[in-house]
Amino acid sequence: MDIKNREKMLLIATGGCLVLMILNWLVISPLTASWHHRSERIAALRKSLGDGAMLLRREASIRERWEHMSTNALSSTPTVAERQLFDAFDRWVRASGVTEGSFKPQFKPTDDNYSVMECNAEVTGAYGSIIRFLYNLEKDPMGLQLQGVDLTARDDAGQQISLGLQLSGLLLPPPNP
């Protein structure tokens, strides 16, 4: 083979490699990145579509639960909500036969469109009375969440039990007309 032909072949091969490198840099890499981005977006949209379909299937139960929560929420006024908690606590104490120890509600505003009334309470009584107290608390339709329970025996035989509770109640703003 002639040296001139070999140089031409090397120049053509080098030019072809350079063209392929530029083609890869300008066309293939951006298209591949775009393809990966679209694949991720399609996967996210499919997940969102599946979540939306699940919400639509559960719409009736979600609306029913929201209706129950909104009708049984505490008053939007903190002082009225505190009074509601005091009345309910007194009702549970009288119905169960426990001895009231302490009851300390505290209003906690949030950044969201609701507030919370947190409450620490303590009662003492026999095992059966404590169980009745907890049952009355749980069956009450008021929108409360029992966050913590602390049981402590007050005597060596375990006949007197102290129950410490942490409750929180939901305060929703009044509905807009």
C-alpha atoms as a PDB file:
ATOM      1  CA  MET A   1       0.000   0.000   0.000  1.00  0.00           C
ATOM      2  CA  ASP A   2       1.161   3.443  -0.841  1.00  0.00           C
ATOM      3  CA  ILE A   3       2.041   5.951   1.910  1.00  0.00           C
ATOM      4  CA  LYS A   4      -0.328   8.533   0.446  1.00  0.00           C
ATOM      5  CA  ASN A   5      -3.206   6.046   0.476  1.00  0.00           C
ATOM      6  CA  ARG A   6      -2.366   5.089   4.078  1.00  0.00           C
ATOM      7  CA  GLU A   7      -2.376   8.765   5.102  1.00  0.00           C
ATOM      8  CA  LYS A   8      -5.719   9.275   3.351  1.00  0.00           C
ATOM      9  CA  MET A   9      -7.131   6.235   5.166  1.00  0.00           C
ATOM     10  CA  LEU A  10      -5.847   7.530   8.527  1.00  0.00           C
ATOM     11  CA  LEU A  11      -7.251  10.991   7.819  1.00  0.00           C
ATOM     12  CA  ILE A  12     -10.626   9.500   6.851  1.00  0.00           C
ATOM     13  CA  ALA A  13     -10.649   7.266   9.970  1.00  0.00           C
ATOM     14  CA  THR A  14      -9.625  10.189  12.204  1.00  0.00           C
ATOM     15  CA  GLY A  15     -12.255  12.418  10.586  1.00  0.00           C
ATOM     16  CA  GLY A  16     -14.880   9.690  11.019  1.00  0.00           C
ATOM     17  CA  CYS A  17     -13.956   9.279  14.704  1.00  0.00           C
ATOM     18  CA  LEU A  18     -14.106  13.044  15.163  1.00  0.00           C
ATOM     19  CA  VAL A  19     -17.521  13.196  13.473  1.00  0.00           C
ATOM     20  CA  LEU A  20     -18.766  10.323  15.669  1.00  0.00           C
ATOM     21  CA  MET A  21     -17.442  12.044  18.799  1.00  0.00           C
ATOM     22  CA  ILE A  22     -19.123  15.338  17.870  1.00  0.00           C
ATOM     23  CA  LEU A  23     -22.325  13.458  16.942  1.00  0.00           C
ATOM     24  CA  ASN A  24     -22.228  11.725  20.342  1.00  0.00           C
ATOM     25  CA  TRP A  25     -21.559  15.005  22.133  1.00  0.00           C
ATOM     26  CA  LEU A  26     -24.185  17.086  20.292  1.00  0.00           C
ATOM     27  CA  VAL A  27     -26.946  14.565  19.477  1.00  0.00           C
ATOM     28  CA  ILE A  28     -26.765  11.160  21.166  1.00  0.00           C
ATOM     29  CA  SER A  29     -25.922  12.256  24.753  1.00  0.00           C
ATOM     30  CA  PRO A  30     -28.663  14.942  24.925  1.00  0.00           C
ATOM     31  CA  LEU A  31     -31.200  12.527  23.415  1.00  0.00           C
ATOM     32  CA  THR A  32     -30.255   9.808  25.926  1.00  0.00           C
ATOM     33  CA  ALA A  33     -30.504  12.268  28.841  1.00  0.00           C
ATOM     34  CA  SER A  34     -33.856  13.474  27.541  1.00  0.00           C
ATOM     35  CA  TRP A  35     -35.062   9.879  27.223  1.00  0.00           C
ATOM     36  CA  HIS A  36     -34.060   9.104  30.833  1.00  0.00           C
ATOM     37  CA  HIS A  37     -35.747  12.284  32.070  1.00  0.00           C
ATOM     38  CA  ARG A  38     -38.963  11.413  30.194  1.00  0.00           C
ATOM     39  CA  SER A  39     -38.886   7.859  31.570  1.00  0.00           C
ATOM     40  CA  GLU A  40     -38.617   9.197  35.127  1.00  0.00           C
ATOM     41  CA  ARG A  41     -41.426  11.694  34.474  1.00  0.00           C
ATOM     42  CA  ILE A  42     -43.665   8.977  33.001  1.00  0.00           C
ATOM     43  CA  ALA A  43     -43.019   6.759  36.052  1.00  0.00           C
ATOM     44  CA  ALA A  44     -43.902   9.657  38.390  1.00  0.00           C
ATOM     45  CA  LEU A  45     -47.074  10.416  36.412  1.00  0.00           C
ATOM     46  CA  ARG A  46     -48.115   6.737  36.470  1.00  0.00           C
ATOM     47  CA  LYS A  47     -47.626   6.658  40.245  1.00  0.00           C
ATOM     48  CA  SER A  48     -49.634   9.877  40.605  1.00  0.00           C
ATOM     49  CA  LEU A  49     -52.372   8.458  38.391  1.00  0.00           C
ATOM     50  CA  GLY A  50     -52.492   5.284  40.492  1.00  0.00           C
ATOM     51  CA  ASP A  51     -52.684   7.331  43.698  1.00  0.00           C
ATOM     52  CA  GLY A  52     -55.494   9.427  42.227  1.00  0.00           C
ATOM     53  CA  ALA A  53     -57.426   6.328  41.158  1.00  0.00           C
ATOM     54  CA  MET A  54     -57.030   4.886  44.664  1.00  0.00           C
ATOM     55  CA  LEU A  55     -58.345   8.133  46.183  1.00  0.00           C
ATOM     56  CA  LEU A  56     -61.328   8.069  43.850  1.00  0.00           C
ATOM     57  CA  ARG A  57     -62.130   4.484  44.882  1.00  0.00           C
ATOM     58  CA  ARG A  58     -61.901   5.463  48.551  1.00  0.00           C
ATOM     59  CA  GLU A  59     -63.745   8.778  48.160  1.00  0.00           C
ATOM     60  CA  ALA A  60     -66.879   7.738  50.050  1.00  0.00           C
ATOM     61  CA  SER A  61     -65.013   6.414  53.074  1.00  0.00           C
ATOM     62  CA  ILE A  62     -62.646   9.404  53.148  1.00  0.00           C
ATOM     63  CA  ARG A  63     -65.555  11.857  52.993  1.00  0.00           C
ATOM     64  CA  GLU A  64     -67.407   9.917  55.691  1.00  0.00           C
ATOM     65  CA  ARG A  65     -64.361   9.956  57.951  1.00  0.00           C
ATOM     66  CA  TRP A  66     -63.802  13.680  57.345  1.00  0.00           C
ATOM     67  CA  GLU A  67     -67.462  14.390  58.120  1.00  0.00           C
ATOM     68  CA  HIS A  68     -67.135  12.435  61.368  1.00  0.00           C
ATOM     69  CA  MET A  69     -63.927  14.296  62.289  1.00  0.00           C
ATOM     70  CA  SER A  70     -65.301  17.734  61.467  1.00  0.00           C
ATOM     71  CA  THR A  71     -68.573  17.235  63.340  1.00  0.00           C
ATOM     72  CA  ASN A  72     -66.819  15.825  66.433  1.00  0.00           C
ATOM     73  CA  ALA A  73     -63.924  18.281  66.526  1.00  0.00           C
ATOM     74  CA  LEU A  74     -63.580  20.667  69.417  1.00  0.00           C
ATOM     75  CA  SER A  75     -64.822  24.213  69.074  1.00  0.00           C
ATOM     76  CA  SER A  76     -62.568  26.560  67.106  1.00  0.00           C
ATOM     77  CA  THR A  77     -62.454  28.932  70.090  1.00  0.00           C
ATOM     78  CA  PRO A  78     -59.732  27.775  72.516  1.00  0.00           C
ATOM     79  CA  THR A  79     -61.641  28.694  75.686  1.00  0.00           C
ATOM     80  CA  VAL A  80     -64.773  26.881  74.518  1.00  0.00           C
ATOM     81  CA  ALA A  81     -62.669  23.884  73.457  1.00  0.00           C
ATOM     82  CA  GLU A  82     -61.036  23.848  76.892  1.00  0.00           C
ATOM     83  CA  ARG A  83     -64.483  23.902  78.525  1.00  0.00           C
ATOM     84  CA  GLN A  84     -65.589  21.002  76.310  1.00  0.00           C
ATOM     85  CA  LEU A  85     -62.550  18.996  77.432  1.00  0.00           C
ATOM     86  CA  PHE A  86     -63.204  19.806  81.104  1.00  0.00           C
ATOM     87  CA  ASP A  87     -66.850  18.719  80.778  1.00  0.00           C
ATOM     88  CA  ALA A  88     -65.923  15.495  78.991  1.00  0.00           C
ATOM     89  CA  PHE A  89     -63.181  14.682  81.533  1.00  0.00           C
ATOM     90  CA  ASP A  90     -65.638  15.284  84.386  1.00  0.00           C
ATOM     91  CA  ARG A  91     -68.203  13.040  82.661  1.00  0.00           C
ATOM     92  CA  TRP A  92     -65.643  10.215  82.279  1.00  0.00           C
ATOM     93  CA  VAL A  93     -64.525  10.552  85.914  1.00  0.00           C
ATOM     94  CA  ARG A  94     -68.116  10.423  87.263  1.00  0.00           C
ATOM     95  CA  ALA A  95     -69.104   7.483  85.023  1.00  0.00           C
ATOM     96  CA  SER A  96     -66.084   5.366  85.972  1.00  0.00           C
ATOM     97  CA  GLY A  97     -65.675   6.118  89.677  1.00  0.00           C
ATOM     98  CA  VAL A  98     -62.000   7.129  89.534  1.00  0.00           C
ATOM     99  CA  THR A  99     -60.526   9.970  91.572  1.00  0.00           C
ATOM    100  CA  GLU A 100     -59.497  13.006  89.570  1.00  0.00           C
ATOM    101  CA  GLY A 101     -55.864  13.981  90.096  1.00  0.00           C
ATOM    102  CA  SER A 102     -54.956  16.687  87.620  1.00  0.00           C
ATOM    103  CA  PHE A 103     -56.150  18.006  84.288  1.00  0.00           C
ATOM    104  CA  LYS A 104     -54.085  20.516  82.294  1.00  0.00           C
ATOM    105  CA  PRO A 105     -55.228  21.456  78.778  1.00  0.00           C
ATOM    106  CA  GLN A 106     -52.949  23.608  76.643  1.00  0.00           C
ATOM    107  CA  PHE A 107     -53.753  25.273  73.296  1.00  0.00           C
ATOM    108  CA  LYS A 108     -51.180  24.656  70.514  1.00  0.00           C
ATOM    109  CA  PRO A 109     -51.612  26.635  67.279  1.00  0.00           C
ATOM    110  CA  THR A 110     -50.126  25.118  64.124  1.00  0.00           C
ATOM    111  CA  ASP A 111     -49.007  26.526  60.792  1.00  0.00           C
ATOM    112  CA  ASP A 112     -51.699  24.534  59.026  1.00  0.00           C
ATOM    113  CA  ASN A 113     -55.416  25.308  58.886  1.00  0.00           C
ATOM    114  CA  TYR A 114     -56.181  23.729  62.272  1.00  0.00           C
ATOM    115  CA  SER A 115     -55.086  23.890  65.902  1.00  0.00           C
ATOM    116  CA  VAL A 116     -54.615  21.326  68.641  1.00  0.00           C
ATOM    117  CA  MET A 117     -55.616  21.291  72.287  1.00  0.00           C
ATOM    118  CA  GLU A 118     -53.125  19.094  74.146  1.00  0.00           C
ATOM    119  CA  CYS A 119     -53.998  17.810  77.575  1.00  0.00           C
ATOM    120  CA  ASN A 120     -52.188  16.008  80.383  1.00  0.00           C
ATOM    121  CA  ALA A 121     -54.441  14.326  82.922  1.00  0.00           C
ATOM    122  CA  GLU A 122     -54.055  12.009  85.856  1.00  0.00           C
ATOM    123  CA  VAL A 123     -56.609   9.869  87.678  1.00  0.00           C
ATOM    124  CA  THR A 124     -56.338   7.186  90.345  1.00  0.00           C
ATOM    125  CA  GLY A 125     -58.558   4.256  91.185  1.00  0.00           C
ATOM    126  CA  ALA A 126     -58.967   0.513  91.210  1.00  0.00           C
ATOM    127  CA  TYR A 127     -58.153  -1.526  88.121  1.00  0.00           C
ATOM    128  CA  GLY A 128     -61.825  -1.852  87.077  1.00  0.00           C
ATOM    129  CA  SER A 129     -62.424   1.883  87.475  1.00  0.00           C
ATOM    130  CA  ILE A 130     -59.382   2.685  85.358  1.00  0.00           C
ATOM    131  CA  ILE A 131     -60.611   0.312  82.639  1.00  0.00           C
ATOM    132  CA  ARG A 132     -64.098   1.931  82.702  1.00  0.00           C
ATOM    133  CA  PHE A 133     -62.476   5.388  82.516  1.00  0.00           C
ATOM    134  CA  LEU A 134     -60.444   4.402  79.435  1.00  0.00           C
ATOM    135  CA  TYR A 135     -63.510   2.784  77.859  1.00  0.00           C
ATOM    136  CA  ASN A 136     -65.601   5.933  78.407  1.00  0.00           C
ATOM    137  CA  LEU A 137     -62.817   8.072  76.980  1.00  0.00           C
ATOM    138  CA  GLU A 138     -62.495   5.896  73.860  1.00  0.00           C
ATOM    139  CA  LYS A 139     -66.237   5.555  73.160  1.00  0.00           C
ATOM    140  CA  ASP A 140     -66.823   9.308  73.441  1.00  0.00           C
ATOM    141  CA  PRO A 141     -67.463  10.724  69.938  1.00  0.00           C
ATOM    142  CA  MET A 142     -65.341  13.814  70.679  1.00  0.00           C
ATOM    143  CA  GLY A 143     -62.419  14.196  68.273  1.00  0.00           C
ATOM    144  CA  LEU A 144     -59.621  13.203  70.658  1.00  0.00           C
ATOM    145  CA  GLN A 145     -56.477  11.184  70.175  1.00  0.00           C
ATOM    146  CA  LEU A 146     -54.948   9.267  73.052  1.00  0.00           C
ATOM    147  CA  GLN A 147     -51.213   9.822  72.606  1.00  0.00           C
ATOM    148  CA  GLY A 148     -49.759   8.337  75.745  1.00  0.00           C
ATOM    149  CA  VAL A 149     -50.746   6.259  78.764  1.00  0.00           C
ATOM    150  CA  ASP A 150     -48.728   5.749  81.936  1.00  0.00           C
ATOM    151  CA  LEU A 151     -49.956   3.215  84.527  1.00  0.00           C
ATOM    152  CA  THR A 152     -48.355   3.178  87.970  1.00  0.00           C
ATOM    153  CA  ALA A 153     -49.246   1.079  91.021  1.00  0.00           C
ATOM    154  CA  ARG A 154     -49.870   3.306  94.051  1.00  0.00           C
ATOM    155  CA  ASP A 155     -49.580   0.512  96.639  1.00  0.00           C
ATOM    156  CA  ASP A 156     -47.704  -2.776  97.061  1.00  0.00           C
ATOM    157  CA  ALA A 157     -50.751  -4.926  96.283  1.00  0.00           C
ATOM    158  CA  GLY A 158     -51.556  -3.012  93.089  1.00  0.00           C
ATOM    159  CA  GLN A 159     -55.072  -2.189  94.260  1.00  0.00           C
ATOM    160  CA  GLN A 160     -54.698   1.538  93.642  1.00  0.00           C
ATOM    161  CA  ILE A 161     -53.481   2.488  90.180  1.00  0.00           C
ATOM    162  CA  SER A 162     -52.488   5.887  88.874  1.00  0.00           C
ATOM    163  CA  LEU A 163     -53.240   6.591  85.218  1.00  0.00           C
ATOM    164  CA  GLY A 164     -51.433   9.396  83.407  1.00  0.00           C
ATOM    165  CA  LEU A 165     -52.839  10.410  80.018  1.00  0.00           C
ATOM    166  CA  GLN A 166     -51.706  12.571  77.143  1.00  0.00           C
ATOM    167  CA  LEU A 167     -54.589  13.576  74.879  1.00  0.00           C
ATOM    168  CA  SER A 168     -54.869  15.878  71.925  1.00  0.00           C
ATOM    169  CA  GLY A 169     -58.037  17.308  70.423  1.00  0.00           C
ATOM    170  CA  LEU A 170     -58.589  18.764  66.994  1.00  0.00           C
ATOM    171  CA  LEU A 171     -59.761  22.387  66.626  1.00  0.00           C
ATOM    172  CA  LEU A 172     -60.945  23.215  63.111  1.00  0.00           C
ATOM    173  CA  PRO A 173     -61.708  26.727  61.922  1.00  0.00           C
ATOM    174  CA  PRO A 174     -65.366  27.500  61.240  1.00  0.00           C
ATOM    175  CA  PRO A 175     -66.444  26.586  57.687  1.00  0.00           C
ATOM    176  CA  ASN A 176     -66.558  29.372  55.139  1.00  0.00           C
ATOM    177  CA  PRO A 177     -70.100  30.163  53.927  1.00  0.00           C
END
